[in-house]
């Protein structure tokens, strides 16, 4: 994907490509098949929505907390019919990994798309990934139907409690909840910065809860291995697997049993999502997830940083 491209795929979290400035949207198999056959598709033009991300994130606050904050404000499906343009005030303080997480969870917000307006961070990312120099020239057109500003300095690590992505709680509200399993991975938070965040916490000791770490790609796995993060995680007792949806969809590598509780860095915590119908899933960032693994209960990760 590239800035200003239209990207469509048969995956509900295709919109992750909005992180680099693409209009990306998941579609059903029938629509995708028709697109492959005809080379075109149709869309209802969404209402334009403006989001500003201001300031710098405090310790243990990541793109996941921005996504959860937006869900606390707009609720699940609250941006249905909108395409959000996201402007980052301090591009270097909100890197591509964070942007990918926010774009990814725009599905849960119901947005038709969420597009990070290309900036110097986008340019640097593309030049490193593609080995070519790119000119970024974005000129917004028209007026926005609505606007919202996220003040990063006001955020803290957040959690989506069972069984809804917009059941947002502060760490203090859920601290002490006992945890059976922690999942660090998925298309939401399986990137290098997430593995690094987990390693920063888990270098302090052995995990008291089952811990499953799933780097999102072989490239991320290799980078984490070379940086020493995989060694830290395995010494803490975590199981590290190849890239897969796995536990997120209750498929394998960590299906929850009856009554079990998990902290997951994934994007959905619906009833029965990760296993048994009476299991519970708390969504959080990688710092919070790793701290939960370390203590065997939900806890504030900031004390370990």
C-alpha atoms as a PDB file:
ATOM      1  CA  UNK A   1       0.000   0.000   0.000  1.00  0.00           C
ATOM      2  CA  UNK A   2       0.998   3.589  -0.640  1.00  0.00           C
ATOM      3  CA  UNK A   3      -0.387   7.012   0.307  1.00  0.00           C
ATOM      4  CA  UNK A   4      -3.499   8.017  -1.667  1.00  0.00           C
ATOM      5  CA  UNK A   5      -4.073   4.473  -2.942  1.00  0.00           C
ATOM      6  CA  UNK A   6      -7.357   2.596  -2.635  1.00  0.00           C
ATOM      7  CA  UNK A   7      -6.747  -0.762  -0.939  1.00  0.00           C
ATOM      8  CA  UNK A   8      -9.414  -3.458  -0.589  1.00  0.00           C
ATOM      9  CA  UNK A   9      -9.133  -6.985   0.798  1.00  0.00           C
ATOM     10  CA  UNK A  10     -11.303  -9.719   2.290  1.00  0.00           C
ATOM     11  CA  UNK A  11     -10.233  -8.974   5.862  1.00  0.00           C
ATOM     12  CA  UNK A  12     -12.086  -6.749   8.291  1.00  0.00           C
ATOM     13  CA  UNK A  13      -8.847  -5.094   9.404  1.00  0.00           C
ATOM     14  CA  UNK A  14      -7.567  -4.173   5.959  1.00  0.00           C
ATOM     15  CA  UNK A  15      -7.904  -0.568   7.110  1.00  0.00           C
ATOM     16  CA  UNK A  16      -4.574  -0.961   8.916  1.00  0.00           C
ATOM     17  CA  UNK A  17      -3.022   0.368   5.692  1.00  0.00           C
ATOM     18  CA  UNK A  18      -4.530   3.734   6.580  1.00  0.00           C
ATOM     19  CA  UNK A  19      -1.420   4.168   8.732  1.00  0.00           C
ATOM     20  CA  UNK A  20       0.566   5.180   5.644  1.00  0.00           C
ATOM     21  CA  UNK A  21      -2.175   7.290   4.107  1.00  0.00           C
ATOM     22  CA  UNK A  22      -4.137   4.790   2.021  1.00  0.00           C
ATOM     23  CA  UNK A  23      -7.926   4.547   1.846  1.00  0.00           C
ATOM     24  CA  UNK A  24      -8.132   0.935   2.979  1.00  0.00           C
ATOM     25  CA  UNK A  25     -11.283  -1.069   3.568  1.00  0.00           C
ATOM     26  CA  UNK A  26     -12.259  -4.663   4.202  1.00  0.00           C
ATOM     27  CA  UNK A  27     -14.958  -6.209   2.029  1.00  0.00           C
ATOM     28  CA  UNK A  28     -16.826  -9.480   1.762  1.00  0.00           C
ATOM     29  CA  UNK A  29     -15.733 -12.294  -0.527  1.00  0.00           C
ATOM     30  CA  UNK A  30     -18.417 -11.536  -3.132  1.00  0.00           C
ATOM     31  CA  UNK A  31     -17.303  -7.910  -3.477  1.00  0.00           C
ATOM     32  CA  UNK A  32     -13.664  -8.939  -3.723  1.00  0.00           C
ATOM     33  CA  UNK A  33     -14.448 -11.584  -6.357  1.00  0.00           C
ATOM     34  CA  UNK A  34     -16.356  -9.022  -8.424  1.00  0.00           C
ATOM     35  CA  UNK A  35     -13.463  -6.579  -8.086  1.00  0.00           C
ATOM     36  CA  UNK A  36     -10.965  -9.167  -9.278  1.00  0.00           C
ATOM     37  CA  UNK A  37     -13.175  -9.946 -12.265  1.00  0.00           C
ATOM     38  CA  UNK A  38     -14.125  -6.390 -13.228  1.00  0.00           C
ATOM     39  CA  UNK A  39     -11.202  -4.347 -11.959  1.00  0.00           C
ATOM     40  CA  UNK A  40     -13.468  -1.843 -10.256  1.00  0.00           C
ATOM     41  CA  UNK A  41     -15.905  -1.485  -7.367  1.00  0.00           C
ATOM     42  CA  UNK A  42     -18.377   1.007  -5.927  1.00  0.00           C
ATOM     43  CA  UNK A  43     -18.489   2.904  -2.654  1.00  0.00           C
ATOM     44  CA  UNK A  44     -20.844   5.209  -0.819  1.00  0.00           C
ATOM     45  CA  UNK A  45     -18.800   8.380  -0.329  1.00  0.00           C
ATOM     46  CA  UNK A  46     -18.238   8.700   3.450  1.00  0.00           C
ATOM     47  CA  UNK A  47     -18.524  11.891   5.461  1.00  0.00           C
ATOM     48  CA  UNK A  48     -15.105  13.457   6.182  1.00  0.00           C
ATOM     49  CA  UNK A  49     -14.056  13.522   9.835  1.00  0.00           C
ATOM     50  CA  UNK A  50     -10.956  15.185  11.272  1.00  0.00           C
ATOM     51  CA  UNK A  51      -8.920  13.802  14.171  1.00  0.00           C
ATOM     52  CA  UNK A  52      -5.921  15.605  15.636  1.00  0.00           C
ATOM     53  CA  UNK A  53      -3.355  13.818  17.794  1.00  0.00           C
ATOM     54  CA  UNK A  54      -1.584  16.400  19.899  1.00  0.00           C
ATOM     55  CA  UNK A  55       1.465  16.264  22.149  1.00  0.00           C
ATOM     56  CA  UNK A  56       3.621  13.296  23.124  1.00  0.00           C
ATOM     57  CA  UNK A  57       2.573  10.029  24.794  1.00  0.00           C
ATOM     58  CA  UNK A  58       3.460   9.554  28.490  1.00  0.00           C
ATOM     59  CA  UNK A  59       5.251   6.383  29.640  1.00  0.00           C
ATOM     60  CA  UNK A  60       3.357   3.138  28.854  1.00  0.00           C
ATOM     61  CA  UNK A  61       0.872   4.947  26.596  1.00  0.00           C
ATOM     62  CA  UNK A  62       0.825   3.746  22.983  1.00  0.00           C
ATOM     63  CA  UNK A  63      -1.340   3.800  19.894  1.00  0.00           C
ATOM     64  CA  UNK A  64      -3.547   1.164  21.523  1.00  0.00           C
ATOM     65  CA  UNK A  65      -4.580   3.649  24.182  1.00  0.00           C
ATOM     66  CA  UNK A  66      -5.483   6.210  21.531  1.00  0.00           C
ATOM     67  CA  UNK A  67      -7.683   3.602  19.838  1.00  0.00           C
ATOM     68  CA  UNK A  68      -9.333   2.663  23.141  1.00  0.00           C
ATOM     69  CA  UNK A  69      -9.793   6.334  24.016  1.00  0.00           C
ATOM     70  CA  UNK A  70     -11.564   6.940  20.706  1.00  0.00           C
ATOM     71  CA  UNK A  71     -13.797   3.946  21.433  1.00  0.00           C
ATOM     72  CA  UNK A  72     -14.631   5.392  24.841  1.00  0.00           C
ATOM     73  CA  UNK A  73     -15.723   8.631  23.156  1.00  0.00           C
ATOM     74  CA  UNK A  74     -17.454   7.438  19.985  1.00  0.00           C
ATOM     75  CA  UNK A  75     -18.348   3.855  20.993  1.00  0.00           C
ATOM     76  CA  UNK A  76     -18.383   0.789  18.752  1.00  0.00           C
ATOM     77  CA  UNK A  77     -19.650   1.639  15.256  1.00  0.00           C
ATOM     78  CA  UNK A  78     -19.808   5.305  16.291  1.00  0.00           C
ATOM     79  CA  UNK A  79     -17.973   6.473  13.166  1.00  0.00           C
ATOM     80  CA  UNK A  80     -20.076   4.445  10.755  1.00  0.00           C
ATOM     81  CA  UNK A  81     -20.342   6.336   7.478  1.00  0.00           C
ATOM     82  CA  UNK A  82     -17.270   8.471   8.171  1.00  0.00           C
ATOM     83  CA  UNK A  83     -13.735   8.479   6.827  1.00  0.00           C
ATOM     84  CA  UNK A  84     -11.340   9.994   9.358  1.00  0.00           C
ATOM     85  CA  UNK A  85      -8.271  12.026   8.408  1.00  0.00           C
ATOM     86  CA  UNK A  86      -5.766  11.921  11.267  1.00  0.00           C
ATOM     87  CA  UNK A  87      -3.250  14.729  11.716  1.00  0.00           C
ATOM     88  CA  UNK A  88      -0.295  14.124  14.052  1.00  0.00           C
ATOM     89  CA  UNK A  89       1.116  17.253  15.660  1.00  0.00           C
ATOM     90  CA  UNK A  90       4.490  15.671  16.503  1.00  0.00           C
ATOM     91  CA  UNK A  91       5.094  12.973  13.871  1.00  0.00           C
ATOM     92  CA  UNK A  92       8.268  11.533  15.439  1.00  0.00           C
ATOM     93  CA  UNK A  93       6.464  11.029  18.753  1.00  0.00           C
ATOM     94  CA  UNK A  94       3.741   8.913  17.160  1.00  0.00           C
ATOM     95  CA  UNK A  95       5.546   6.314  15.029  1.00  0.00           C
ATOM     96  CA  UNK A  96       4.197   4.057  12.325  1.00  0.00           C
ATOM     97  CA  UNK A  97       3.574   1.135  14.708  1.00  0.00           C
ATOM     98  CA  UNK A  98       1.245   3.316  16.785  1.00  0.00           C
ATOM     99  CA  UNK A  99      -0.532   4.582  13.687  1.00  0.00           C
ATOM    100  CA  UNK A 100      -1.097   1.047  12.439  1.00  0.00           C
ATOM    101  CA  UNK A 101      -2.816   0.145  15.714  1.00  0.00           C
ATOM    102  CA  UNK A 102      -5.175   3.124  15.555  1.00  0.00           C
ATOM    103  CA  UNK A 103      -5.974   2.491  11.888  1.00  0.00           C
ATOM    104  CA  UNK A 104      -6.503  -1.199  12.644  1.00  0.00           C
ATOM    105  CA  UNK A 105      -9.098  -0.539  15.342  1.00  0.00           C
ATOM    106  CA  UNK A 106     -11.028   1.927  13.197  1.00  0.00           C
ATOM    107  CA  UNK A 107     -12.939  -1.225  12.239  1.00  0.00           C
ATOM    108  CA  UNK A 108     -14.272  -1.405  15.778  1.00  0.00           C
ATOM    109  CA  UNK A 109     -15.174   2.291  15.521  1.00  0.00           C
ATOM    110  CA  UNK A 110     -17.182   1.459  12.412  1.00  0.00           C
ATOM    111  CA  UNK A 111     -15.269   3.952  10.259  1.00  0.00           C
ATOM    112  CA  UNK A 112     -15.313   3.417   6.504  1.00  0.00           C
ATOM    113  CA  UNK A 113     -11.616   4.272   6.625  1.00  0.00           C
ATOM    114  CA  UNK A 114      -9.098   6.004   8.864  1.00  0.00           C
ATOM    115  CA  UNK A 115      -6.264   7.736   7.039  1.00  0.00           C
ATOM    116  CA  UNK A 116      -3.176   9.161   8.690  1.00  0.00           C
ATOM    117  CA  UNK A 117      -2.265  12.273   6.741  1.00  0.00           C
ATOM    118  CA  UNK A 118       1.224  11.605   5.313  1.00  0.00           C
ATOM    119  CA  UNK A 119       4.023  13.501   7.040  1.00  0.00           C
ATOM    120  CA  UNK A 120       7.775  13.184   7.590  1.00  0.00           C
ATOM    121  CA  UNK A 121       7.279   9.981   9.603  1.00  0.00           C
ATOM    122  CA  UNK A 122       5.409   8.459   6.659  1.00  0.00           C
ATOM    123  CA  UNK A 123       8.156   9.573   4.294  1.00  0.00           C
ATOM    124  CA  UNK A 124      10.909   8.109   6.482  1.00  0.00           C
ATOM    125  CA  UNK A 125       9.031   4.826   6.835  1.00  0.00           C
ATOM    126  CA  UNK A 126       8.457   4.461   3.089  1.00  0.00           C
ATOM    127  CA  UNK A 127      12.043   5.322   2.241  1.00  0.00           C
ATOM    128  CA  UNK A 128      13.313   2.689   4.673  1.00  0.00           C
ATOM    129  CA  UNK A 129      10.791   0.053   3.581  1.00  0.00           C
ATOM    130  CA  UNK A 130      10.931   0.685  -0.168  1.00  0.00           C
ATOM    131  CA  UNK A 131      14.425   2.092  -0.587  1.00  0.00           C
ATOM    132  CA  UNK A 132      13.250   5.098  -2.573  1.00  0.00           C
ATOM    133  CA  UNK A 133      12.689   8.792  -1.908  1.00  0.00           C
ATOM    134  CA  UNK A 134       9.064   9.902  -1.736  1.00  0.00           C
ATOM    135  CA  UNK A 135       7.563  13.356  -1.899  1.00  0.00           C
ATOM    136  CA  UNK A 136       4.636  13.833   0.469  1.00  0.00           C
ATOM    137  CA  UNK A 137       2.177  16.495  -0.655  1.00  0.00           C
ATOM    138  CA  UNK A 138      -1.259  16.250   0.936  1.00  0.00           C
ATOM    139  CA  UNK A 139      -3.817  18.988   0.491  1.00  0.00           C
ATOM    140  CA  UNK A 140      -7.163  18.404   2.225  1.00  0.00           C
ATOM    141  CA  UNK A 141     -10.167  19.470   0.212  1.00  0.00           C
ATOM    142  CA  UNK A 142     -13.495  20.754   1.450  1.00  0.00           C
ATOM    143  CA  UNK A 143     -14.774  20.954   5.001  1.00  0.00           C
ATOM    144  CA  UNK A 144     -14.989  18.292   7.680  1.00  0.00           C
ATOM    145  CA  UNK A 145     -18.348  17.145   8.991  1.00  0.00           C
ATOM    146  CA  UNK A 146     -16.898  17.012  12.506  1.00  0.00           C
ATOM    147  CA  UNK A 147     -13.595  17.203  14.393  1.00  0.00           C
ATOM    148  CA  UNK A 148     -12.004  15.717  17.501  1.00  0.00           C
ATOM    149  CA  UNK A 149      -8.641  16.222  19.216  1.00  0.00           C
ATOM    150  CA  UNK A 150      -6.752  13.619  21.259  1.00  0.00           C
ATOM    151  CA  UNK A 151      -4.431  15.092  23.877  1.00  0.00           C
ATOM    152  CA  UNK A 152      -1.774  12.424  24.368  1.00  0.00           C
ATOM    153  CA  UNK A 153      -0.470  13.988  27.556  1.00  0.00           C
ATOM    154  CA  UNK A 154      -3.845  13.414  29.210  1.00  0.00           C
ATOM    155  CA  UNK A 155      -3.975   9.685  28.437  1.00  0.00           C
ATOM    156  CA  UNK A 156      -3.071   6.732  30.647  1.00  0.00           C
ATOM    157  CA  UNK A 157      -2.928   3.006  29.876  1.00  0.00           C
ATOM    158  CA  UNK A 158      -6.500   1.901  29.174  1.00  0.00           C
ATOM    159  CA  UNK A 159      -8.301  -1.439  29.100  1.00  0.00           C
ATOM    160  CA  UNK A 160     -11.393  -2.641  27.262  1.00  0.00           C
ATOM    161  CA  UNK A 161     -13.184  -4.897  29.750  1.00  0.00           C
ATOM    162  CA  UNK A 162     -15.411  -7.842  28.758  1.00  0.00           C
ATOM    163  CA  UNK A 163     -17.384  -8.210  26.567  1.00  0.00           C
ATOM    164  CA  UNK A 164     -17.277  -5.086  24.420  1.00  0.00           C
ATOM    165  CA  UNK A 165     -14.548  -3.092  22.718  1.00  0.00           C
ATOM    166  CA  UNK A 166     -16.039   0.149  24.055  1.00  0.00           C
ATOM    167  CA  UNK A 167     -16.284  -0.977  27.694  1.00  0.00           C
ATOM    168  CA  UNK A 168     -13.260   1.173  28.469  1.00  0.00           C
ATOM    169  CA  UNK A 169     -11.732   1.271  31.945  1.00  0.00           C
ATOM    170  CA  UNK A 170      -8.673   2.835  33.531  1.00  0.00           C
ATOM    171  CA  UNK A 171      -6.060   0.521  34.994  1.00  0.00           C
ATOM    172  CA  UNK A 172      -7.164   1.539  38.490  1.00  0.00           C
ATOM    173  CA  UNK A 173     -10.713   0.319  37.788  1.00  0.00           C
ATOM    174  CA  UNK A 174      -9.634  -3.218  36.889  1.00  0.00           C
ATOM    175  CA  UNK A 175      -6.382  -3.573  38.822  1.00  0.00           C
ATOM    176  CA  UNK A 176      -6.119  -6.853  40.678  1.00  0.00           C
ATOM    177  CA  UNK A 177      -8.233  -8.951  38.301  1.00  0.00           C
ATOM    178  CA  UNK A 178      -6.573 -12.379  38.227  1.00  0.00           C
ATOM    179  CA  UNK A 179      -5.358 -13.510  34.816  1.00  0.00           C
ATOM    180  CA  UNK A 180      -4.855 -17.020  33.429  1.00  0.00           C
ATOM    181  CA  UNK A 181      -3.353 -16.111  30.069  1.00  0.00           C
ATOM    182  CA  UNK A 182      -1.739 -13.187  28.268  1.00  0.00           C
ATOM    183  CA  UNK A 183      -1.591 -12.856  24.498  1.00  0.00           C
ATOM    184  CA  UNK A 184       0.859 -10.370  22.978  1.00  0.00           C
ATOM    185  CA  UNK A 185       0.401 -10.204  19.222  1.00  0.00           C
ATOM    186  CA  UNK A 186      -2.257  -9.967  16.477  1.00  0.00           C
ATOM    187  CA  UNK A 187      -2.599  -7.523  13.586  1.00  0.00           C
ATOM    188  CA  UNK A 188      -3.267  -4.850  16.214  1.00  0.00           C
ATOM    189  CA  UNK A 189      -0.177  -5.184  18.402  1.00  0.00           C
ATOM    190  CA  UNK A 190       2.275  -7.732  17.064  1.00  0.00           C
ATOM    191  CA  UNK A 191       4.854  -5.269  15.793  1.00  0.00           C
ATOM    192  CA  UNK A 192       8.441  -4.770  16.905  1.00  0.00           C
ATOM    193  CA  UNK A 193       7.603  -1.959  19.332  1.00  0.00           C
ATOM    194  CA  UNK A 194       5.055  -4.245  21.004  1.00  0.00           C
ATOM    195  CA  UNK A 195       7.553  -7.078  21.419  1.00  0.00           C
ATOM    196  CA  UNK A 196      10.054  -4.551  22.759  1.00  0.00           C
ATOM    197  CA  UNK A 197       7.498  -3.179  25.239  1.00  0.00           C
ATOM    198  CA  UNK A 198       6.753  -6.685  26.495  1.00  0.00           C
ATOM    199  CA  UNK A 199      10.455  -7.430  26.879  1.00  0.00           C
ATOM    200  CA  UNK A 200      11.006  -4.232  28.887  1.00  0.00           C
ATOM    201  CA  UNK A 201       8.501  -5.489  31.446  1.00  0.00           C
ATOM    202  CA  UNK A 202       9.224  -9.213  31.405  1.00  0.00           C
ATOM    203  CA  UNK A 203      12.979  -8.814  31.837  1.00  0.00           C
ATOM    204  CA  UNK A 204      12.121  -8.329  35.516  1.00  0.00           C
ATOM    205  CA  UNK A 205      11.198 -11.934  36.215  1.00  0.00           C
ATOM    206  CA  UNK A 206       9.185 -15.039  35.444  1.00  0.00           C
ATOM    207  CA  UNK A 207       5.631 -14.755  34.181  1.00  0.00           C
ATOM    208  CA  UNK A 208       2.996 -15.979  36.642  1.00  0.00           C
ATOM    209  CA  UNK A 209       0.340 -16.321  33.931  1.00  0.00           C
ATOM    210  CA  UNK A 210       0.581 -18.256  30.675  1.00  0.00           C
ATOM    211  CA  UNK A 211       2.165 -15.906  28.159  1.00  0.00           C
ATOM    212  CA  UNK A 212       1.946 -16.322  24.402  1.00  0.00           C
ATOM    213  CA  UNK A 213       3.846 -13.897  22.175  1.00  0.00           C
ATOM    214  CA  UNK A 214       3.162 -13.875  18.444  1.00  0.00           C
ATOM    215  CA  UNK A 215       5.284 -11.498  16.347  1.00  0.00           C
ATOM    216  CA  UNK A 216       3.077 -10.400  13.462  1.00  0.00           C
ATOM    217  CA  UNK A 217       5.486 -11.428  10.707  1.00  0.00           C
ATOM    218  CA  UNK A 218       8.717 -13.297  10.118  1.00  0.00           C
ATOM    219  CA  UNK A 219      10.438  -9.943   9.638  1.00  0.00           C
ATOM    220  CA  UNK A 220       9.286  -8.769  13.069  1.00  0.00           C
ATOM    221  CA  UNK A 221      10.380 -12.095  14.567  1.00  0.00           C
ATOM    222  CA  UNK A 222      13.856 -11.762  13.061  1.00  0.00           C
ATOM    223  CA  UNK A 223      14.182  -8.152  14.243  1.00  0.00           C
ATOM    224  CA  UNK A 224      13.049  -9.097  17.749  1.00  0.00           C
ATOM    225  CA  UNK A 225      15.445 -12.045  17.781  1.00  0.00           C
ATOM    226  CA  UNK A 226      18.396  -9.891  16.745  1.00  0.00           C
ATOM    227  CA  UNK A 227      17.495  -7.252  19.352  1.00  0.00           C
ATOM    228  CA  UNK A 228      17.414  -9.878  22.113  1.00  0.00           C
ATOM    229  CA  UNK A 229      13.705  -9.489  22.872  1.00  0.00           C
ATOM    230  CA  UNK A 230      12.841 -13.108  22.067  1.00  0.00           C
ATOM    231  CA  UNK A 231      15.500 -14.295  24.508  1.00  0.00           C
ATOM    232  CA  UNK A 232      13.999 -12.095  27.236  1.00  0.00           C
ATOM    233  CA  UNK A 233      10.487 -13.396  26.593  1.00  0.00           C
ATOM    234  CA  UNK A 234      11.466 -17.065  26.556  1.00  0.00           C
ATOM    235  CA  UNK A 235      13.531 -16.679  29.743  1.00  0.00           C
ATOM    236  CA  UNK A 236      10.428 -15.193  31.370  1.00  0.00           C
ATOM    237  CA  UNK A 237       8.509 -18.330  30.410  1.00  0.00           C
ATOM    238  CA  UNK A 238       6.645 -17.035  27.363  1.00  0.00           C
ATOM    239  CA  UNK A 239       5.892 -19.228  24.385  1.00  0.00           C
ATOM    240  CA  UNK A 240       6.845 -17.461  21.137  1.00  0.00           C
ATOM    241  CA  UNK A 241       5.178 -18.699  17.946  1.00  0.00           C
ATOM    242  CA  UNK A 242       5.233 -17.886  14.242  1.00  0.00           C
ATOM    243  CA  UNK A 243       2.932 -15.166  12.912  1.00  0.00           C
ATOM    244  CA  UNK A 244      -0.713 -16.214  13.090  1.00  0.00           C
ATOM    245  CA  UNK A 245      -4.142 -14.951  14.131  1.00  0.00           C
ATOM    246  CA  UNK A 246      -4.115 -17.893  16.551  1.00  0.00           C
ATOM    247  CA  UNK A 247      -5.441 -16.932  19.993  1.00  0.00           C
ATOM    248  CA  UNK A 248      -7.167 -13.757  18.757  1.00  0.00           C
ATOM    249  CA  UNK A 249      -9.890 -15.725  16.987  1.00  0.00           C
ATOM    250  CA  UNK A 250      -9.884 -18.683  19.367  1.00  0.00           C
ATOM    251  CA  UNK A 251      -8.269 -20.754  16.649  1.00  0.00           C
ATOM    252  CA  UNK A 252      -5.148 -22.289  18.220  1.00  0.00           C
ATOM    253  CA  UNK A 253      -2.042 -21.510  20.295  1.00  0.00           C
ATOM    254  CA  UNK A 254      -4.017 -20.334  23.299  1.00  0.00           C
ATOM    255  CA  UNK A 255      -7.729 -21.118  23.149  1.00  0.00           C
ATOM    256  CA  UNK A 256      -9.261 -20.124  26.497  1.00  0.00           C
ATOM    257  CA  UNK A 257     -10.856 -22.788  28.665  1.00  0.00           C
ATOM    258  CA  UNK A 258     -14.068 -22.502  30.729  1.00  0.00           C
ATOM    259  CA  UNK A 259     -13.996 -19.535  33.088  1.00  0.00           C
ATOM    260  CA  UNK A 260     -10.516 -18.412  32.096  1.00  0.00           C
ATOM    261  CA  UNK A 261      -9.474 -14.764  31.967  1.00  0.00           C
ATOM    262  CA  UNK A 262      -7.069 -13.292  29.425  1.00  0.00           C
ATOM    263  CA  UNK A 263      -5.386  -9.983  28.780  1.00  0.00           C
ATOM    264  CA  UNK A 264      -4.879  -9.608  25.044  1.00  0.00           C
ATOM    265  CA  UNK A 265      -3.315  -6.995  22.784  1.00  0.00           C
ATOM    266  CA  UNK A 266      -5.763  -7.900  20.009  1.00  0.00           C
ATOM    267  CA  UNK A 267      -8.771  -5.891  18.819  1.00  0.00           C
ATOM    268  CA  UNK A 268     -11.876  -7.796  19.921  1.00  0.00           C
ATOM    269  CA  UNK A 269     -13.134  -9.184  23.215  1.00  0.00           C
ATOM    270  CA  UNK A 270     -16.608 -10.379  22.285  1.00  0.00           C
ATOM    271  CA  UNK A 271     -18.229 -13.200  24.255  1.00  0.00           C
ATOM    272  CA  UNK A 272     -16.476 -16.452  23.320  1.00  0.00           C
ATOM    273  CA  UNK A 273     -14.053 -14.706  20.973  1.00  0.00           C
ATOM    274  CA  UNK A 274     -10.940 -16.466  22.264  1.00  0.00           C
ATOM    275  CA  UNK A 275     -12.469 -19.717  23.449  1.00  0.00           C
ATOM    276  CA  UNK A 276     -15.067 -20.840  25.990  1.00  0.00           C
ATOM    277  CA  UNK A 277     -18.291 -18.841  26.150  1.00  0.00           C
ATOM    278  CA  UNK A 278     -17.743 -18.041  29.817  1.00  0.00           C
ATOM    279  CA  UNK A 279     -14.148 -16.893  29.347  1.00  0.00           C
ATOM    280  CA  UNK A 280     -13.288 -13.197  29.624  1.00  0.00           C
ATOM    281  CA  UNK A 281     -10.938 -11.035  27.580  1.00  0.00           C
ATOM    282  CA  UNK A 282      -9.458  -7.674  28.559  1.00  0.00           C
ATOM    283  CA  UNK A 283      -7.905  -5.684  25.701  1.00  0.00           C
ATOM    284  CA  UNK A 284      -4.790  -3.639  26.486  1.00  0.00           C
ATOM    285  CA  UNK A 285      -1.468  -2.455  25.129  1.00  0.00           C
ATOM    286  CA  UNK A 286       1.688  -4.575  25.253  1.00  0.00           C
ATOM    287  CA  UNK A 287       3.035  -2.910  28.411  1.00  0.00           C
ATOM    288  CA  UNK A 288      -0.154  -3.667  30.334  1.00  0.00           C
ATOM    289  CA  UNK A 289      -0.373  -7.190  28.932  1.00  0.00           C
ATOM    290  CA  UNK A 290       3.222  -7.991  29.879  1.00  0.00           C
ATOM    291  CA  UNK A 291       2.752  -6.586  33.384  1.00  0.00           C
ATOM    292  CA  UNK A 292      -0.323  -8.802  33.772  1.00  0.00           C
ATOM    293  CA  UNK A 293       1.738 -11.810  32.712  1.00  0.00           C
ATOM    294  CA  UNK A 294       4.475 -10.914  35.185  1.00  0.00           C
ATOM    295  CA  UNK A 295       2.135 -10.605  38.173  1.00  0.00           C
ATOM    296  CA  UNK A 296      -0.669 -12.953  37.140  1.00  0.00           C
ATOM    297  CA  UNK A 297      -3.163 -10.127  37.523  1.00  0.00           C
ATOM    298  CA  UNK A 298      -4.044  -6.823  35.899  1.00  0.00           C
ATOM    299  CA  UNK A 299      -1.668  -4.161  37.158  1.00  0.00           C
ATOM    300  CA  UNK A 300      -0.317  -0.746  36.226  1.00  0.00           C
ATOM    301  CA  UNK A 301       2.731  -1.228  33.979  1.00  0.00           C
ATOM    302  CA  UNK A 302       4.129   2.230  34.679  1.00  0.00           C
ATOM    303  CA  UNK A 303       5.743   1.088  37.924  1.00  0.00           C
ATOM    304  CA  UNK A 304       8.075  -1.124  35.866  1.00  0.00           C
ATOM    305  CA  UNK A 305       9.299   1.672  33.586  1.00  0.00           C
END
